[in-house]
Amino acid sequence: MTLLSVPVPRWRLPLSETELTTDVLVCPLRAVERFRDLRPDEVADLFQATQRVGMVVEKHFQGTSLTFSMQDGPEAGQTVKHVHVHVLPRKAGDFHKNDSIYDELQKHDKEEEDSPTLWRSEEEMAAEASALRAYFQ
């Protein structure tokens, strides 16, 4: 498999309507900036790993649905020059308007990276990553 699919929850996303408590990233091991540059086997691996991670995230966070997000290129909002898929657990009523999540994600990407309201502590991230990693062993 060409992917590193160990989930690493990075940040807490404070939103005006709710709070999503995790964002798990799935990305290829090979450094690839754009989705179009992935080889066919990497595309298959990426989405198979994303599906597997999604099942774990939904179960672990007692979600009932998932949002998958990928920004491919600067005009799409890509801020990290490495292909990756965001996996976010969802629950009924977590947003007044379902698609508001995309507006909030876009706002989040423009925030200061070192804002204490956005980043979890190293200990909190390590504990959650360890809990999620157990599902993959």
Protein backbone atom coordinates (compact mmCIF):
# COMPACT_ATOMS: atom_id res chain seq x y z
CA MET A 1 0.00 0.00 0.00
CA THR A 2 1.32 3.45 -0.87
CA LEU A 3 -0.44 5.35 1.88
CA LEU A 4 0.24 6.28 5.43
CA SER A 5 -3.23 5.83 6.86
CA VAL A 6 -2.53 6.29 10.55
CA PRO A 7 -4.92 9.05 11.59
CA VAL A 8 -3.48 12.04 13.37
CA PRO A 9 -6.16 14.39 14.69
CA ARG A 10 -4.66 17.87 14.33
CA TRP A 11 -6.99 20.51 15.60
CA ARG A 12 -10.20 21.47 17.23
CA LEU A 13 -12.37 23.52 14.92
CA PRO A 14 -14.42 26.05 16.88
CA LEU A 15 -17.43 26.92 14.79
CA SER A 16 -20.16 29.47 15.24
CA GLU A 17 -22.86 26.78 15.28
CA THR A 18 -21.04 23.81 16.82
CA GLU A 19 -17.64 22.36 17.56
CA LEU A 20 -16.11 19.59 15.53
CA THR A 21 -13.55 17.91 17.70
CA THR A 22 -11.42 16.19 15.11
CA ASP A 23 -10.12 16.35 11.59
CA VAL A 24 -8.34 13.19 10.51
CA LEU A 25 -6.10 13.45 7.47
CA VAL A 26 -5.36 10.67 4.99
CA CYS A 27 -2.47 11.30 2.61
CA PRO A 28 -0.09 9.47 0.27
CA LEU A 29 3.42 8.70 1.48
CA ARG A 30 4.81 10.05 -1.79
CA ALA A 31 4.91 13.83 -1.79
CA VAL A 32 2.35 14.85 -4.41
CA GLU A 33 0.98 18.38 -4.60
CA ARG A 34 -2.10 17.81 -6.77
CA PHE A 35 -4.65 15.00 -7.05
CA ARG A 36 -4.11 14.84 -10.82
CA ASP A 37 -0.48 13.84 -10.20
CA LEU A 38 -1.34 10.66 -8.31
CA ARG A 39 -0.84 7.37 -10.13
CA PRO A 40 -3.99 5.23 -10.60
CA ASP A 41 -2.88 2.78 -7.89
CA GLU A 42 -2.35 5.70 -5.47
CA VAL A 43 -5.84 7.05 -6.20
CA ALA A 44 -7.31 3.64 -5.42
CA ASP A 45 -5.23 3.34 -2.24
CA LEU A 46 -6.13 6.88 -1.15
CA PHE A 47 -9.86 6.27 -1.36
CA GLN A 48 -9.72 2.76 0.10
CA ALA A 49 -7.75 4.13 3.07
CA THR A 50 -10.14 7.09 3.35
CA GLN A 51 -13.09 4.70 3.47
CA ARG A 52 -11.43 2.63 6.19
CA VAL A 53 -10.46 5.69 8.23
CA GLY A 54 -13.98 7.05 7.80
CA MET A 55 -15.54 3.92 9.28
CA VAL A 56 -13.25 4.20 12.31
CA VAL A 57 -13.80 7.94 12.79
CA GLU A 58 -17.58 7.57 12.57
CA LYS A 59 -17.58 4.74 15.10
CA HIS A 60 -15.09 6.29 17.53
CA PHE A 61 -16.78 9.70 17.65
CA GLN A 62 -20.33 8.26 17.59
CA GLY A 63 -21.06 10.00 14.31
CA THR A 64 -23.93 9.15 12.04
CA SER A 65 -22.36 10.53 8.86
CA LEU A 66 -19.05 11.81 7.51
CA THR A 67 -17.79 14.79 5.58
CA PHE A 68 -14.84 14.14 3.28
CA SER A 69 -13.03 17.20 2.01
CA MET A 70 -10.14 17.77 -0.38
CA GLN A 71 -8.93 21.14 -1.62
CA ASP A 72 -6.95 20.58 -4.80
CA GLY A 73 -5.04 23.70 -5.83
CA PRO A 74 -4.85 27.25 -4.47
CA GLU A 75 -8.16 28.44 -5.91
CA ALA A 76 -9.85 25.49 -4.20
CA GLY A 77 -8.41 26.59 -0.86
CA GLN A 78 -5.46 24.19 -0.67
CA THR A 79 -3.01 25.54 1.93
CA VAL A 80 -0.79 22.45 2.31
CA LYS A 81 0.99 21.43 -0.89
CA HIS A 82 0.46 17.71 -0.38
CA VAL A 83 -2.63 15.77 -1.45
CA HIS A 84 -4.75 14.87 1.55
CA VAL A 85 -8.35 14.08 2.42
CA HIS A 86 -9.97 15.49 5.56
CA VAL A 87 -12.32 13.07 7.33
CA LEU A 88 -14.77 14.73 9.73
CA PRO A 89 -17.42 12.92 11.78
CA ARG A 90 -20.92 14.41 11.60
CA LYS A 91 -24.07 14.15 13.71
CA ALA A 92 -27.68 15.15 13.15
CA GLY A 93 -28.15 18.85 13.79
CA ASP A 94 -24.46 19.67 14.11
CA PHE A 95 -25.06 22.60 11.74
CA HIS A 96 -28.25 24.56 11.16
CA LYS A 97 -27.53 24.38 7.41
CA ASN A 98 -25.60 21.27 6.45
CA ASP A 99 -23.31 22.99 3.95
CA SER A 100 -22.28 25.62 6.52
CA ILE A 101 -19.42 23.29 7.39
CA TYR A 102 -17.64 24.35 4.18
CA ASP A 103 -17.90 28.05 5.03
CA GLU A 104 -16.55 27.37 8.50
CA LEU A 105 -13.70 25.23 7.18
CA GLN A 106 -12.75 28.00 4.77
CA LYS A 107 -12.77 30.55 7.61
CA HIS A 108 -10.65 28.22 9.73
CA ASP A 109 -7.95 28.01 7.06
CA LYS A 110 -7.50 31.79 7.29
CA GLU A 111 -6.99 31.83 11.08
CA GLU A 112 -3.62 32.17 12.79
CA GLU A 113 -2.01 28.74 12.93
CA ASP A 114 -0.74 29.23 16.45
CA SER A 115 -4.06 30.36 17.89
CA PRO A 116 -4.61 28.47 21.16
CA THR A 117 -8.31 28.07 20.35
CA LEU A 118 -7.48 26.05 17.23
CA TRP A 119 -4.63 23.75 18.17
CA ARG A 120 -4.87 20.89 20.60
CA SER A 121 -2.12 20.15 23.07
CA GLU A 122 0.49 17.60 22.03
CA GLU A 123 -0.72 15.32 24.82
CA GLU A 124 -4.35 15.51 23.68
CA MET A 125 -3.41 14.78 20.06
CA ALA A 126 -1.16 11.88 21.07
CA ALA A 127 -3.87 10.31 23.23
CA GLU A 128 -6.50 10.56 20.52
CA ALA A 129 -4.14 9.31 17.81
CA SER A 130 -3.28 6.35 20.03
CA ALA A 131 -6.97 5.55 20.56
CA LEU A 132 -7.66 5.71 16.83
CA ARG A 133 -4.51 3.76 15.92
CA ALA A 134 -5.78 0.82 18.00
CA TYR A 135 -8.58 0.28 15.46
CA PHE A 136 -6.00 -0.38 12.74
CA GLN A 137 -3.94 -3.03 14.52
